[in-house]
Protein backbone atom coordinates (compact mmCIF):
# COMPACT_ATOMS: atom_id res chain seq x y z
CA MET A 1 49.01 -21.88 4.60
CA THR A 2 48.63 -19.84 1.24
CA ALA A 3 48.80 -16.37 1.31
CA GLY A 4 45.23 -15.28 1.17
CA ALA A 5 44.25 -17.90 3.74
CA ARG A 6 42.98 -16.70 7.08
CA PRO A 7 44.09 -18.43 10.40
CA PRO A 8 41.86 -20.77 11.93
CA ARG A 9 41.92 -18.76 15.36
CA ARG A 10 40.94 -15.45 13.67
CA ARG A 11 37.91 -17.46 11.74
CA GLY A 12 36.88 -18.91 14.85
CA TRP A 13 36.66 -15.49 16.63
CA TRP A 14 34.52 -14.51 14.11
CA ARG A 15 31.88 -17.41 14.36
CA SER A 16 31.61 -16.96 17.74
CA ALA A 17 31.27 -13.08 17.67
CA ALA A 18 28.49 -13.28 14.53
CA ARG A 19 26.66 -15.98 17.29
CA ALA A 20 26.96 -13.88 20.06
CA ALA A 21 25.79 -10.63 18.44
CA ALA A 22 22.51 -12.78 16.51
CA SER A 23 21.78 -13.87 20.02
CA HIS A 24 21.74 -10.44 21.16
CA ALA A 25 19.91 -9.13 18.48
CA VAL A 26 17.26 -11.91 19.02
CA LEU A 27 17.01 -11.28 23.13
CA VAL A 28 16.87 -7.15 22.01
CA ALA A 29 14.15 -8.28 19.61
CA PHE A 30 11.92 -10.12 21.91
CA GLY A 31 12.63 -7.61 24.76
CA ILE A 32 11.18 -4.70 22.62
CA LEU A 33 8.38 -6.82 21.93
CA PHE A 34 7.28 -7.74 25.73
CA ALA A 35 7.67 -4.56 27.33
CA ALA A 36 6.05 -2.81 23.98
CA PRO A 37 2.62 -3.24 26.18
CA PHE A 38 3.93 -1.35 29.12
CA TYR A 39 5.40 1.22 27.10
CA TRP A 40 2.17 1.65 25.86
CA LEU A 41 0.20 1.73 29.21
CA VAL A 42 2.39 4.02 30.66
CA ALA A 43 1.99 6.43 27.51
CA THR A 44 -1.73 6.38 27.00
CA ALA A 45 -1.83 7.37 30.99
CA LEU A 46 0.07 10.62 29.68
CA LYS A 47 -1.89 11.42 26.40
CA PRO A 48 -4.90 13.99 26.51
CA ASP A 49 -7.81 12.73 25.37
CA ALA A 50 -7.70 13.49 21.24
CA GLN A 51 -4.33 11.49 20.81
CA ILE A 52 -5.55 7.90 22.27
CA PHE A 53 -7.60 6.97 19.71
CA ARG A 54 -5.38 8.69 16.74
CA MET A 55 -4.52 7.29 13.88
CA PRO A 56 -1.70 6.77 12.79
CA PRO A 57 -0.74 6.07 17.06
CA VAL A 58 0.97 8.54 18.83
CA TRP A 59 3.83 7.24 20.48
CA ILE A 60 5.37 10.01 22.07
CA PRO A 61 2.58 12.16 24.20
CA SER A 62 2.59 15.89 23.25
CA PRO A 63 2.17 17.62 25.74
CA PRO A 64 2.44 14.58 28.50
CA ARG A 65 -0.87 15.45 30.95
CA TRP A 66 0.77 13.74 34.40
CA GLU A 67 -2.28 15.16 36.01
CA ASN A 68 -4.08 12.18 35.06
CA PHE A 69 -1.98 10.35 37.84
CA PRO A 70 -3.12 12.49 41.02
CA ARG A 71 -6.38 13.04 39.43
CA ALA A 72 -7.26 8.88 39.01
CA LEU A 73 -5.90 8.87 42.94
CA SER A 74 -8.35 11.22 43.96
CA TYR A 75 -11.55 9.31 42.54
CA VAL A 76 -11.70 6.18 44.11
CA PRO A 77 -9.41 5.50 48.06
CA PHE A 78 -5.89 4.23 46.33
CA GLY A 79 -4.54 4.30 49.80
CA LEU A 80 -6.90 1.88 51.48
CA TYR A 81 -6.77 -0.45 48.58
CA THR A 82 -3.15 -0.68 48.20
CA TRP A 83 -3.27 -0.56 52.48
CA ASN A 84 -5.93 -3.55 52.32
CA THR A 85 -3.98 -5.12 49.10
CA LEU A 86 -0.65 -5.26 51.08
CA ARG A 87 -1.99 -6.76 54.16
CA ILE A 88 -3.71 -9.45 51.92
CA CYS A 89 -0.01 -10.19 50.13
CA THR A 90 1.84 -10.10 53.46
CA LEU A 91 -0.16 -12.29 55.20
CA SER A 92 -0.30 -14.82 52.07
CA VAL A 93 3.21 -14.72 51.23
CA ALA A 94 4.15 -15.53 55.53
CA GLY A 95 1.46 -18.64 55.78
CA THR A 96 2.61 -19.97 52.47
CA LEU A 97 6.22 -19.94 53.25
CA LEU A 98 5.81 -21.42 56.56
CA SER A 99 3.46 -23.88 55.61
CA SER A 100 5.24 -25.09 52.59
CA SER A 101 8.37 -25.44 53.79
CA LEU A 102 7.17 -27.54 56.71
CA VAL A 103 5.69 -29.76 54.53
CA ALA A 104 8.30 -29.96 51.90
CA TYR A 105 10.74 -30.71 54.50
CA SER A 106 8.81 -33.19 55.60
CA LEU A 107 8.40 -34.92 52.39
CA ALA A 108 11.70 -34.73 51.57
CA ARG A 109 13.76 -35.33 54.31
CA LEU A 110 11.74 -36.85 57.19
CA HIS A 111 11.01 -41.13 56.60
CA TRP A 112 7.60 -42.14 57.20
CA ARG A 113 5.18 -44.81 55.93
CA GLY A 114 3.01 -43.46 53.03
CA ARG A 115 5.41 -40.50 52.36
CA GLU A 116 5.66 -41.07 48.44
CA LEU A 117 1.66 -41.77 48.00
CA VAL A 118 1.12 -38.74 50.03
CA PHE A 119 3.34 -36.93 47.85
CA ALA A 120 2.20 -37.99 44.66
CA SER A 121 -1.23 -37.22 45.69
CA LEU A 122 -0.11 -33.85 46.22
CA VAL A 123 0.96 -33.68 43.10
CA ALA A 124 -1.95 -35.38 41.41
CA THR A 125 -4.28 -32.13 43.27
CA MET A 126 -2.61 -29.42 41.12
CA ILE A 127 -4.08 -30.93 37.53
CA LEU A 128 -7.29 -29.80 39.13
CA PRO A 129 -8.76 -26.78 38.09
CA SER A 130 -9.61 -24.34 40.91
CA GLN A 131 -12.98 -23.50 39.21
CA VAL A 132 -14.34 -27.54 40.22
CA THR A 133 -13.56 -26.61 44.51
CA LEU A 134 -14.86 -23.05 43.66
CA ILE A 135 -18.54 -23.50 44.71
CA PRO A 136 -17.71 -25.91 47.81
CA THR A 137 -15.25 -23.67 48.96
CA PHE A 138 -17.30 -20.59 49.03
CA ALA A 139 -20.14 -22.91 50.46
CA PHE A 140 -17.55 -23.81 53.19
CA PHE A 141 -16.87 -20.15 53.84
CA LYS A 142 -20.16 -19.44 54.33
CA ALA A 143 -21.04 -21.96 56.54
CA LEU A 144 -18.36 -20.31 58.65
CA GLY A 145 -19.73 -17.18 58.90
CA TRP A 146 -16.22 -15.29 56.85
CA LEU A 147 -18.10 -13.69 54.04
CA GLY A 148 -17.20 -10.38 54.32
CA THR A 149 -13.61 -10.92 55.89
CA ILE A 150 -9.91 -11.56 54.32
CA LEU A 151 -10.06 -14.49 56.37
CA PRO A 152 -11.10 -16.64 53.11
CA LEU A 153 -8.12 -15.18 51.32
CA VAL A 154 -5.43 -15.33 53.99
CA VAL A 155 -6.54 -18.46 55.45
CA PRO A 156 -5.77 -20.94 52.86
CA PRO A 157 -2.19 -20.19 52.05
CA PHE A 158 -1.36 -21.00 56.01
CA PHE A 159 -2.48 -24.64 54.94
CA GLY A 160 -0.06 -24.91 51.93
CA SER A 161 0.01 -25.23 48.25
CA ALA A 162 0.67 -27.91 46.26
CA PHE A 163 2.46 -26.10 43.67
CA ASN A 164 4.90 -23.99 46.22
CA ILE A 165 5.29 -27.69 48.08
CA PHE A 166 6.61 -29.44 45.51
CA LEU A 167 8.93 -26.66 44.44
CA LEU A 168 10.53 -26.37 47.78
CA ARG A 169 10.51 -30.24 48.13
CA GLN A 170 12.63 -30.58 45.19
CA PHE A 171 15.19 -28.04 46.03
CA PHE A 172 15.49 -29.17 49.78
CA LEU A 173 15.88 -32.43 47.86
CA THR A 174 19.40 -30.67 46.44
CA ILE A 175 21.14 -29.60 49.57
CA PRO A 176 23.56 -32.39 50.58
CA ALA A 177 22.22 -34.81 53.82
CA GLU A 178 25.48 -34.73 55.18
CA LEU A 179 24.58 -31.32 56.78
CA SER A 180 21.27 -32.84 58.41
CA ASP A 181 23.37 -35.81 59.23
CA ALA A 182 25.96 -33.60 61.25
CA ALA A 183 23.63 -31.89 62.94
CA ARG A 184 22.00 -35.24 64.32
CA ILE A 185 24.99 -36.39 65.94
CA ASP A 186 25.35 -33.06 67.41
CA GLY A 187 22.46 -33.28 69.10
CA CYS A 188 19.80 -30.95 66.83
CA GLY A 189 16.70 -31.90 66.70
CA GLU A 190 14.17 -32.22 62.97
CA TRP A 191 12.88 -28.31 64.12
CA GLY A 192 16.47 -27.12 64.87
CA ILE A 193 17.60 -28.76 61.11
CA TYR A 194 14.38 -26.97 59.55
CA ARG A 195 15.38 -23.83 61.29
CA ARG A 196 19.24 -23.34 61.43
CA ILE A 197 20.25 -25.22 58.57
CA MET A 198 17.24 -25.76 55.63
CA LEU A 199 15.57 -22.23 55.79
CA PRO A 200 19.11 -20.22 55.56
CA LEU A 201 20.17 -22.79 52.46
CA SER A 202 16.86 -22.52 51.21
CA ARG A 203 17.04 -18.55 50.98
CA PRO A 204 16.92 -18.13 46.95
CA ALA A 205 13.54 -20.90 46.86
CA LEU A 206 12.02 -19.04 49.22
CA ALA A 207 12.36 -15.92 47.69
CA THR A 208 11.19 -17.40 44.53
CA VAL A 209 8.26 -18.95 46.54
CA GLY A 210 7.54 -15.72 48.25
CA LEU A 211 7.50 -13.96 44.53
CA PHE A 212 5.21 -16.01 43.36
CA THR A 213 3.01 -15.61 46.44
CA PHE A 214 2.63 -12.10 45.99
CA ILE A 215 2.21 -11.64 42.90
CA ASN A 216 -0.63 -13.85 42.96
CA ALA A 217 -2.27 -11.86 45.85
CA TRP A 218 -1.82 -8.53 44.47
CA ASN A 219 -3.72 -9.14 40.95
CA ASP A 220 -6.06 -11.57 42.55
CA PHE A 221 -9.64 -10.43 40.96
CA LEU A 222 -12.00 -13.63 41.94
CA GLY A 223 -10.88 -14.42 45.36
CA PRO A 224 -12.21 -10.74 46.64
CA LEU A 225 -14.62 -10.35 44.17
CA MET A 226 -16.28 -13.67 45.79
CA TYR A 227 -15.49 -12.97 49.68
CA LEU A 228 -15.53 -9.04 50.24
CA THR A 229 -18.82 -7.12 50.50
CA ASP A 230 -17.93 -3.76 52.54
CA ASP A 231 -15.84 -1.43 50.02
CA ARG A 232 -14.04 -0.41 52.83
CA SER A 233 -11.40 -3.61 52.57
CA TYR A 234 -11.40 -3.87 48.66
CA THR A 235 -8.19 -4.38 47.18
CA LEU A 236 -6.68 -2.78 44.12
CA SER A 237 -7.92 -5.20 41.92
CA LEU A 238 -11.27 -4.09 43.16
CA GLY A 239 -11.04 -0.48 43.20
CA LEU A 240 -9.89 -0.48 39.52
CA GLN A 241 -12.81 -2.12 38.66
CA ARG A 242 -14.66 0.01 40.49
CA PHE A 243 -12.86 3.06 38.25
CA VAL A 244 -13.89 1.70 35.51
CA SER A 245 -17.25 0.99 36.08
CA GLN A 246 -17.37 4.61 37.20
CA HIS A 247 -15.31 6.07 34.57
CA SER A 248 -15.47 3.89 31.51
CA VAL A 249 -14.55 6.58 29.19
CA GLU A 250 -11.33 8.35 31.03
CA TRP A 251 -8.99 6.44 29.31
CA GLY A 252 -6.28 8.53 30.31
CA MET A 253 -7.13 8.17 34.15
CA LEU A 254 -8.28 4.49 33.57
CA MET A 255 -4.18 3.95 32.32
CA ALA A 256 -2.93 5.81 35.39
CA ALA A 257 -4.68 3.66 37.70
CA SER A 258 -3.61 0.57 35.88
CA CYS A 259 0.04 2.02 35.67
CA MET A 260 0.14 2.71 39.42
CA MET A 261 -1.31 -0.95 40.07
CA THR A 262 1.28 -2.43 37.89
CA MET A 263 4.26 -0.31 38.77
CA PRO A 264 4.90 -2.30 42.33
CA VAL A 265 4.96 -5.69 41.00
CA VAL A 266 7.39 -4.46 38.31
CA VAL A 267 10.14 -3.08 40.72
CA LEU A 268 9.79 -5.70 42.89
CA PHE A 269 10.70 -7.97 40.22
CA PHE A 270 13.51 -5.94 38.67
CA LEU A 271 14.48 -5.78 42.94
CA ALA A 272 14.50 -9.08 43.09
CA GLN A 273 15.04 -10.96 39.97
CA ARG A 274 18.60 -11.97 40.58
CA THR A 275 17.36 -14.29 43.71
CA PHE A 276 14.24 -14.99 41.68
CA ILE A 277 16.59 -16.45 38.52
CA GLN A 278 18.46 -18.44 40.75
CA GLY A 279 15.88 -19.81 43.14
CA VAL A 280 14.58 -21.14 39.46
CA ALA A 281 17.46 -22.20 38.19
CA LEU A 282 18.53 -24.23 41.54
CA THR A 283 15.07 -25.91 41.46
CA GLY A 284 16.25 -29.44 40.57
CA ILE A 285 13.76 -31.98 39.72
CA ARG A 286 14.76 -35.26 41.83
CA GLY A 287 12.48 -37.71 42.61
């Protein structure tokens, strides 16, 4: 080895360090890019009116107007709208987890004639746009007399969702079949296997499905707009739209209301992100 040559081990260390620094730099850049809209939302909620449309943009409010948040809460009953939204979200999550996990267990563990055909038909419905079934679904709920209630929003989740059933089925297939066979030898029935073995082992996937369902129900605007007629049963999305119609020029308060609606979902994701990522990563694509 010549005097000026570097040891191969040191060159390999520098290469790995350079790759790690480059990958972290790219991740930080993308993190800043995706966090910028949320920062702008919070900053606009704290700006005085004169700073909102100033050019060049004002990135740090001076002075911050914290009173925009209580003022936004006082114009519309956000407490009532939050309770209505949480009630719909809770029932939707409970119905989706119960129905989707039962159907997924049947498709993954029980052997019955036509199972693969049913699963293929179920997956095929995922390509059907929701707008195609919008009018027939509305006519159906109208015939049942459910308009003006939350039933059209909370009852359908108790009949399963194609995507969630597919997600849970793929996770159930990754659980060793020997566990179910051992439970059957010990005299455990299918309901016991589902409740005592499959569900405890599927907590990451169930948490993922529950998080997806909660976010969809929290942000849903079209469903409450179609079926809710009494403003006392409005959700946060309808309440925010009502706020816009009444105070369209109050941009500071509008951004404060939007921030308060967005914050619970962001906090929930950060609290459950490890379980969420684990559920997505462990969900295979076995057929």
